[in-house]
Amino acid sequence: MEKIVIEAVAKLEKLKVEGSLGAELSWCWFSFKNDHNSEGLVQKGQETLAVFQAAREKSARAVSKKLVEDLEKVIALN
């Protein structure tokens, strides 16, 4: 799960997403590791997923299908 979150944060930075979604997702991951409360991680994960899906609609190569699927699994597990 950690690997997927790290990859997602890196991809958000590469896509130059406006705002601080990458930092928020990273913060929620570390918070989840400490308190095991997945609410923030799921919320930011869903926002990240929406960004990735929009990027894939513009260009299928922008975000790998595997990353999208892996992120969906992380969200579903929590």
N, C-alpha and C. Protein backbone atom coordinates (compact mmCIF):
# COMPACT_ATOMS: atom_id res chain seq x y z
N MET A 1 0.82 -1.18 0.00
CA MET A 1 0.00 0.00 0.00
C MET A 1 0.87 1.27 0.00
N GLU A 2 1.92 1.25 0.77
CA GLU A 2 2.80 2.43 0.85
C GLU A 2 3.41 2.74 -0.52
N LYS A 3 3.82 1.71 -1.23
CA LYS A 3 4.43 1.90 -2.55
C LYS A 3 3.46 2.60 -3.50
N ILE A 4 2.21 2.20 -3.44
CA ILE A 4 1.21 2.78 -4.34
C ILE A 4 0.96 4.25 -4.01
N VAL A 5 0.88 4.56 -2.72
CA VAL A 5 0.67 5.95 -2.31
C VAL A 5 1.86 6.82 -2.74
N ILE A 6 3.07 6.30 -2.56
CA ILE A 6 4.27 7.04 -2.97
C ILE A 6 4.27 7.27 -4.48
N GLU A 7 3.90 6.24 -5.24
CA GLU A 7 3.82 6.38 -6.70
C GLU A 7 2.76 7.41 -7.09
N ALA A 8 1.64 7.38 -6.40
CA ALA A 8 0.56 8.33 -6.70
C ALA A 8 1.00 9.77 -6.43
N VAL A 9 1.67 9.98 -5.32
CA VAL A 9 2.16 11.33 -4.98
C VAL A 9 3.16 11.79 -6.05
N ALA A 10 4.05 10.91 -6.44
CA ALA A 10 5.04 11.26 -7.47
C ALA A 10 4.35 11.59 -8.80
N LYS A 11 3.33 10.83 -9.15
CA LYS A 11 2.62 11.08 -10.41
C LYS A 11 1.87 12.41 -10.34
N LEU A 12 1.28 12.73 -9.18
CA LEU A 12 0.61 14.02 -9.04
C LEU A 12 1.59 15.16 -9.26
N GLU A 13 2.79 15.03 -8.71
CA GLU A 13 3.81 16.06 -8.90
C GLU A 13 4.21 16.15 -10.37
N LYS A 14 4.34 15.01 -11.03
CA LYS A 14 4.73 15.01 -12.44
C LYS A 14 3.65 15.63 -13.32
N LEU A 15 2.38 15.40 -12.95
CA LEU A 15 1.27 15.98 -13.71
C LEU A 15 1.09 17.46 -13.40
N LYS A 16 1.82 17.95 -12.41
CA LYS A 16 1.74 19.35 -11.99
C LYS A 16 0.31 19.76 -11.64
N VAL A 17 -0.30 18.93 -10.79
CA VAL A 17 -1.65 19.20 -10.33
C VAL A 17 -1.64 20.42 -9.43
N GLU A 18 -2.55 21.34 -9.71
CA GLU A 18 -2.64 22.55 -8.90
C GLU A 18 -3.09 22.20 -7.49
N GLY A 19 -2.70 23.01 -6.54
CA GLY A 19 -3.09 22.78 -5.16
C GLY A 19 -2.09 21.88 -4.47
N SER A 20 -2.49 21.36 -3.35
CA SER A 20 -1.58 20.57 -2.53
C SER A 20 -2.05 19.13 -2.36
N LEU A 21 -2.72 18.58 -3.36
CA LEU A 21 -3.27 17.24 -3.25
C LEU A 21 -2.19 16.21 -2.95
N GLY A 22 -1.05 16.31 -3.59
CA GLY A 22 0.04 15.36 -3.34
C GLY A 22 0.51 15.40 -1.90
N ALA A 23 0.69 16.60 -1.38
CA ALA A 23 1.13 16.76 0.01
C ALA A 23 0.06 16.26 0.98
N GLU A 24 -1.20 16.52 0.66
CA GLU A 24 -2.29 16.06 1.52
C GLU A 24 -2.39 14.54 1.52
N LEU A 25 -2.24 13.93 0.35
CA LEU A 25 -2.29 12.47 0.27
C LEU A 25 -1.14 11.87 1.06
N SER A 26 0.03 12.44 0.93
CA SER A 26 1.19 11.97 1.68
C SER A 26 0.96 12.11 3.18
N TRP A 27 0.44 13.24 3.61
CA TRP A 27 0.17 13.47 5.04
C TRP A 27 -0.85 12.45 5.55
N CYS A 28 -1.90 12.20 4.76
CA CYS A 28 -2.93 11.24 5.17
C CYS A 28 -2.35 9.83 5.28
N TRP A 29 -1.41 9.50 4.41
CA TRP A 29 -0.77 8.18 4.48
C TRP A 29 -0.02 8.03 5.79
N PHE A 30 0.78 9.02 6.14
CA PHE A 30 1.55 8.92 7.38
C PHE A 30 0.64 8.97 8.60
N SER A 31 -0.44 9.71 8.52
CA SER A 31 -1.42 9.72 9.60
C SER A 31 -2.06 8.35 9.75
N PHE A 32 -2.40 7.73 8.63
CA PHE A 32 -2.99 6.39 8.65
C PHE A 32 -2.05 5.37 9.27
N LYS A 33 -0.77 5.50 8.96
CA LYS A 33 0.21 4.56 9.54
C LYS A 33 0.26 4.69 11.05
N ASN A 34 0.02 5.89 11.58
CA ASN A 34 0.08 6.11 13.02
C ASN A 34 -1.20 5.74 13.75
N ASP A 35 -2.35 6.14 13.20
CA ASP A 35 -3.60 5.93 13.95
C ASP A 35 -4.56 4.92 13.32
N HIS A 36 -4.25 4.42 12.15
CA HIS A 36 -5.06 3.42 11.43
C HIS A 36 -6.47 3.91 11.14
N ASN A 37 -6.66 5.23 11.08
CA ASN A 37 -7.93 5.82 10.69
C ASN A 37 -7.82 6.14 9.20
N SER A 38 -8.58 5.45 8.39
CA SER A 38 -8.43 5.55 6.94
C SER A 38 -9.31 6.61 6.29
N GLU A 39 -10.08 7.35 7.05
CA GLU A 39 -11.02 8.31 6.48
C GLU A 39 -10.34 9.33 5.56
N GLY A 40 -9.29 9.97 6.03
CA GLY A 40 -8.59 10.97 5.22
C GLY A 40 -7.90 10.34 4.01
N LEU A 41 -7.30 9.17 4.22
CA LEU A 41 -6.62 8.48 3.13
C LEU A 41 -7.60 8.11 2.02
N VAL A 42 -8.76 7.64 2.39
CA VAL A 42 -9.77 7.28 1.39
C VAL A 42 -10.25 8.53 0.65
N GLN A 43 -10.51 9.60 1.37
CA GLN A 43 -10.99 10.83 0.76
C GLN A 43 -9.97 11.38 -0.24
N LYS A 44 -8.72 11.52 0.19
CA LYS A 44 -7.68 12.05 -0.70
C LYS A 44 -7.36 11.06 -1.82
N GLY A 45 -7.48 9.77 -1.52
CA GLY A 45 -7.28 8.75 -2.55
C GLY A 45 -8.32 8.86 -3.65
N GLN A 46 -9.57 9.12 -3.26
CA GLN A 46 -10.64 9.29 -4.25
C GLN A 46 -10.42 10.55 -5.09
N GLU A 47 -9.96 11.62 -4.45
CA GLU A 47 -9.67 12.84 -5.20
C GLU A 47 -8.53 12.61 -6.19
N THR A 48 -7.51 11.88 -5.74
CA THR A 48 -6.38 11.55 -6.60
C THR A 48 -6.83 10.68 -7.77
N LEU A 49 -7.67 9.71 -7.47
CA LEU A 49 -8.20 8.83 -8.51
C LEU A 49 -8.97 9.62 -9.56
N ALA A 50 -9.75 10.59 -9.14
CA ALA A 50 -10.50 11.41 -10.09
C ALA A 50 -9.55 12.20 -11.00
N VAL A 51 -8.47 12.72 -10.42
CA VAL A 51 -7.47 13.45 -11.21
C VAL A 51 -6.83 12.51 -12.22
N PHE A 52 -6.47 11.31 -11.78
CA PHE A 52 -5.83 10.34 -12.68
C PHE A 52 -6.77 9.92 -13.80
N GLN A 53 -8.04 9.70 -13.48
CA GLN A 53 -8.99 9.29 -14.51
C GLN A 53 -9.20 10.40 -15.53
N ALA A 54 -9.25 11.64 -15.07
CA ALA A 54 -9.38 12.76 -16.00
C ALA A 54 -8.15 12.87 -16.90
N ALA A 55 -6.96 12.64 -16.32
CA ALA A 55 -5.73 12.68 -17.12
C ALA A 55 -5.71 11.55 -18.14
N ARG A 56 -6.22 10.39 -17.76
CA ARG A 56 -6.26 9.26 -18.70
C ARG A 56 -7.24 9.51 -19.84
N GLU A 57 -8.31 10.26 -19.57
CA GLU A 57 -9.27 10.59 -20.63
C GLU A 57 -8.63 11.48 -21.69
N LYS A 58 -7.76 12.38 -21.23
CA LYS A 58 -7.06 13.25 -22.17
C LYS A 58 -5.98 12.50 -22.92
N SER A 59 -5.25 11.65 -22.19
CA SER A 59 -4.17 10.87 -22.79
C SER A 59 -3.99 9.59 -21.98
N ALA A 60 -4.19 8.46 -22.64
CA ALA A 60 -4.10 7.18 -21.95
C ALA A 60 -2.71 6.93 -21.38
N ARG A 61 -1.72 7.60 -21.91
CA ARG A 61 -0.35 7.41 -21.44
C ARG A 61 0.01 8.31 -20.26
N ALA A 62 -0.86 9.23 -19.90
CA ALA A 62 -0.56 10.18 -18.82
C ALA A 62 -0.39 9.47 -17.48
N VAL A 63 -1.25 8.49 -17.23
CA VAL A 63 -1.20 7.73 -15.98
C VAL A 63 -1.41 6.27 -16.35
N SER A 64 -0.58 5.40 -15.80
CA SER A 64 -0.69 4.00 -16.16
C SER A 64 -1.98 3.39 -15.61
N LYS A 65 -2.53 2.48 -16.37
CA LYS A 65 -3.75 1.77 -15.96
C LYS A 65 -3.50 1.02 -14.67
N LYS A 66 -2.31 0.46 -14.52
CA LYS A 66 -1.97 -0.30 -13.32
C LYS A 66 -2.00 0.58 -12.07
N LEU A 67 -1.49 1.80 -12.17
CA LEU A 67 -1.50 2.72 -11.04
C LEU A 67 -2.94 3.05 -10.64
N VAL A 68 -3.79 3.29 -11.61
CA VAL A 68 -5.19 3.59 -11.33
C VAL A 68 -5.85 2.39 -10.65
N GLU A 69 -5.63 1.20 -11.18
CA GLU A 69 -6.21 0.00 -10.59
C GLU A 69 -5.69 -0.26 -9.18
N ASP A 70 -4.40 -0.08 -8.98
CA ASP A 70 -3.81 -0.29 -7.66
C ASP A 70 -4.36 0.72 -6.65
N LEU A 71 -4.52 1.96 -7.07
CA LEU A 71 -5.06 2.98 -6.17
C LEU A 71 -6.52 2.66 -5.83
N GLU A 72 -7.27 2.17 -6.80
CA GLU A 72 -8.65 1.75 -6.54
C GLU A 72 -8.69 0.65 -5.48
N LYS A 73 -7.77 -0.29 -5.55
CA LYS A 73 -7.71 -1.38 -4.58
C LYS A 73 -7.38 -0.86 -3.18
N VAL A 74 -6.45 0.09 -3.09
CA VAL A 74 -6.08 0.67 -1.79
C VAL A 74 -7.30 1.34 -1.17
N ILE A 75 -8.04 2.08 -1.98
CA ILE A 75 -9.22 2.77 -1.47
C ILE A 75 -10.28 1.75 -1.02
N ALA A 76 -10.44 0.71 -1.80
CA ALA A 76 -11.47 -0.31 -1.48
C ALA A 76 -11.10 -1.09 -0.21
N LEU A 77 -9.83 -1.27 0.07
CA LEU A 77 -9.41 -2.02 1.25
C LEU A 77 -9.73 -1.28 2.54
N ASN A 78 -9.86 0.02 2.45
CA ASN A 78 -10.10 0.82 3.65
C ASN A 78 -11.51 1.23 3.67
